[in-house]
Amino acid sequence: MTVDKNAEARLESCAGPAWDISDIDEWGPDKHELGATIPEAGNSVYNETGSWRSMVPCIDTDTCDGCMLCYFYCPDASIIIEDGKAVGVDLDHCKGCGICAKECPADAIAMNIEKKE
């Protein structure tokens, strides 16, 4: 396991709004907004988990139509977006699940066997 000692500083620098979640256990359906709400960040920035994968996504940037489905469906937030299009993958955290490729309507993402060094 790799531990990034600077991850805490990076996490603090990109911290969003501080939400009052002291009563989260009492929230009902009316308190939650439509879609997922993650009131507190996890610890994924501390652990590079990309070494677990056997498949790696490869994005054809010319074929990408910018629908952003890969970005929204990626459970590891590993899709890199520039100018509204997928341009790469954060391989430090991508686990190679293939959800991005499955959801891509333009077939711009191919899953390839990763060659380990």
Protein backbone atom coordinates (compact mmCIF):
# COMPACT_ATOMS: atom_id res chain seq x y z
CA MET A 1 0.00 0.00 0.00
CA THR A 2 1.23 3.45 -0.90
CA VAL A 3 0.53 6.27 1.49
CA ASP A 4 0.73 9.80 0.17
CA LYS A 5 1.94 11.99 3.01
CA ASN A 6 0.86 15.14 1.16
CA ALA A 7 -2.67 13.86 0.55
CA GLU A 8 -4.09 15.55 3.64
CA ALA A 9 -2.78 18.94 2.51
CA ARG A 10 -4.24 18.39 -1.00
CA LEU A 11 -7.54 17.31 0.52
CA GLU A 12 -7.70 20.45 2.66
CA SER A 13 -6.89 22.67 -0.34
CA CYS A 14 -9.86 21.33 -2.32
CA ALA A 15 -12.33 21.06 0.53
CA GLY A 16 -15.84 22.07 -0.42
CA PRO A 17 -18.42 23.68 1.80
CA ALA A 18 -18.59 22.49 5.38
CA TRP A 19 -21.98 20.86 5.89
CA ASP A 20 -23.66 20.43 9.23
CA ILE A 21 -24.13 16.65 9.37
CA SER A 22 -24.50 16.36 13.13
CA ASP A 23 -28.05 15.05 12.70
CA ILE A 24 -27.50 12.95 9.54
CA ASP A 25 -28.83 9.79 11.21
CA GLU A 26 -32.18 11.51 11.60
CA TRP A 27 -32.44 12.77 8.01
CA GLY A 28 -35.44 11.50 6.11
CA PRO A 29 -36.00 11.32 2.36
CA ASP A 30 -37.11 14.95 2.24
CA LYS A 31 -33.74 16.15 3.62
CA HIS A 32 -31.70 14.43 0.87
CA GLU A 33 -31.29 16.06 -2.52
CA LEU A 34 -31.91 14.10 -5.71
CA GLY A 35 -28.81 12.05 -6.48
CA ALA A 36 -25.96 11.03 -4.25
CA THR A 37 -24.80 13.25 -1.44
CA ILE A 38 -21.47 12.51 0.18
CA PRO A 39 -21.30 14.76 3.22
CA GLU A 40 -17.77 13.82 4.19
CA ALA A 41 -14.83 12.77 2.03
CA GLY A 42 -13.48 9.24 2.31
CA ASN A 43 -9.87 8.17 2.49
CA SER A 44 -9.25 7.28 -1.14
CA VAL A 45 -6.79 10.14 -1.62
CA TYR A 46 -4.52 8.40 0.88
CA ASN A 47 -4.42 5.06 -0.97
CA GLU A 48 -3.39 4.38 -4.54
CA THR A 49 -5.55 1.42 -5.49
CA GLY A 50 -4.90 1.26 -9.23
CA SER A 51 -2.42 -1.60 -8.94
CA TRP A 52 -5.33 -4.01 -8.34
CA ARG A 53 -6.61 -3.92 -11.90
CA SER A 54 -5.95 -6.32 -14.74
CA MET A 55 -7.81 -4.29 -17.38
CA VAL A 56 -7.13 -0.66 -18.23
CA PRO A 57 -9.46 1.79 -20.01
CA CYS A 58 -8.11 3.51 -23.11
CA ILE A 59 -9.98 6.60 -24.29
CA ASP A 60 -10.15 7.54 -27.97
CA THR A 61 -10.39 11.32 -27.59
CA ASP A 62 -11.36 11.77 -31.26
CA THR A 63 -14.40 9.51 -30.80
CA CYS A 64 -15.46 10.96 -27.43
CA ASP A 65 -18.60 13.08 -27.87
CA GLY A 66 -18.42 14.72 -24.44
CA CYS A 67 -21.55 13.11 -22.98
CA MET A 68 -19.71 12.73 -19.63
CA LEU A 69 -21.42 9.41 -18.78
CA CYS A 70 -18.02 7.81 -18.11
CA TYR A 71 -17.24 10.57 -15.63
CA PHE A 72 -20.56 10.29 -13.81
CA TYR A 73 -20.58 6.47 -13.64
CA CYS A 74 -16.92 5.95 -12.64
CA PRO A 75 -16.99 4.74 -9.02
CA ASP A 76 -13.40 5.89 -8.47
CA ALA A 77 -13.67 9.39 -9.99
CA SER A 78 -10.79 8.42 -12.27
CA ILE A 79 -11.90 9.97 -15.56
CA ILE A 80 -9.91 13.09 -16.46
CA ILE A 81 -11.99 15.76 -18.21
CA GLU A 82 -10.65 18.70 -20.21
CA ASP A 83 -12.77 21.08 -22.25
CA GLY A 84 -15.86 18.96 -21.63
CA LYS A 85 -14.41 15.70 -22.96
CA ALA A 86 -12.74 12.64 -21.46
CA VAL A 87 -9.02 12.83 -22.18
CA GLY A 88 -7.47 10.35 -19.79
CA VAL A 89 -7.71 8.14 -16.73
CA ASP A 90 -6.19 8.54 -13.26
CA LEU A 91 -4.42 5.18 -13.20
CA ASP A 92 -3.40 5.62 -9.55
CA HIS A 93 -7.03 5.04 -8.53
CA CYS A 94 -8.75 3.31 -11.50
CA LYS A 95 -9.48 -0.33 -10.67
CA GLY A 96 -10.29 -1.34 -14.26
CA CYS A 97 -13.92 -2.26 -13.60
CA GLY A 98 -14.98 -1.27 -17.14
CA ILE A 99 -18.10 0.65 -16.15
CA CYS A 100 -16.87 3.67 -18.12
CA ALA A 101 -16.52 1.59 -21.30
CA LYS A 102 -19.90 -0.09 -20.78
CA GLU A 103 -21.70 3.24 -20.33
CA CYS A 104 -19.99 5.08 -23.20
CA PRO A 105 -22.59 5.45 -26.00
CA ALA A 106 -19.91 6.53 -28.51
CA ASP A 107 -17.74 3.43 -27.85
CA ALA A 108 -14.82 5.77 -27.22
CA ILE A 109 -13.45 3.68 -24.34
CA ALA A 110 -11.87 0.27 -24.85
CA MET A 111 -10.81 -2.03 -22.04
CA ASN A 112 -7.39 -3.57 -22.70
CA ILE A 113 -5.37 -6.08 -20.75
CA GLU A 114 -2.85 -4.14 -18.69
CA LYS A 115 0.74 -5.21 -19.12
CA LYS A 116 2.50 -5.05 -15.76
CA GLU A 117 6.17 -4.26 -15.66
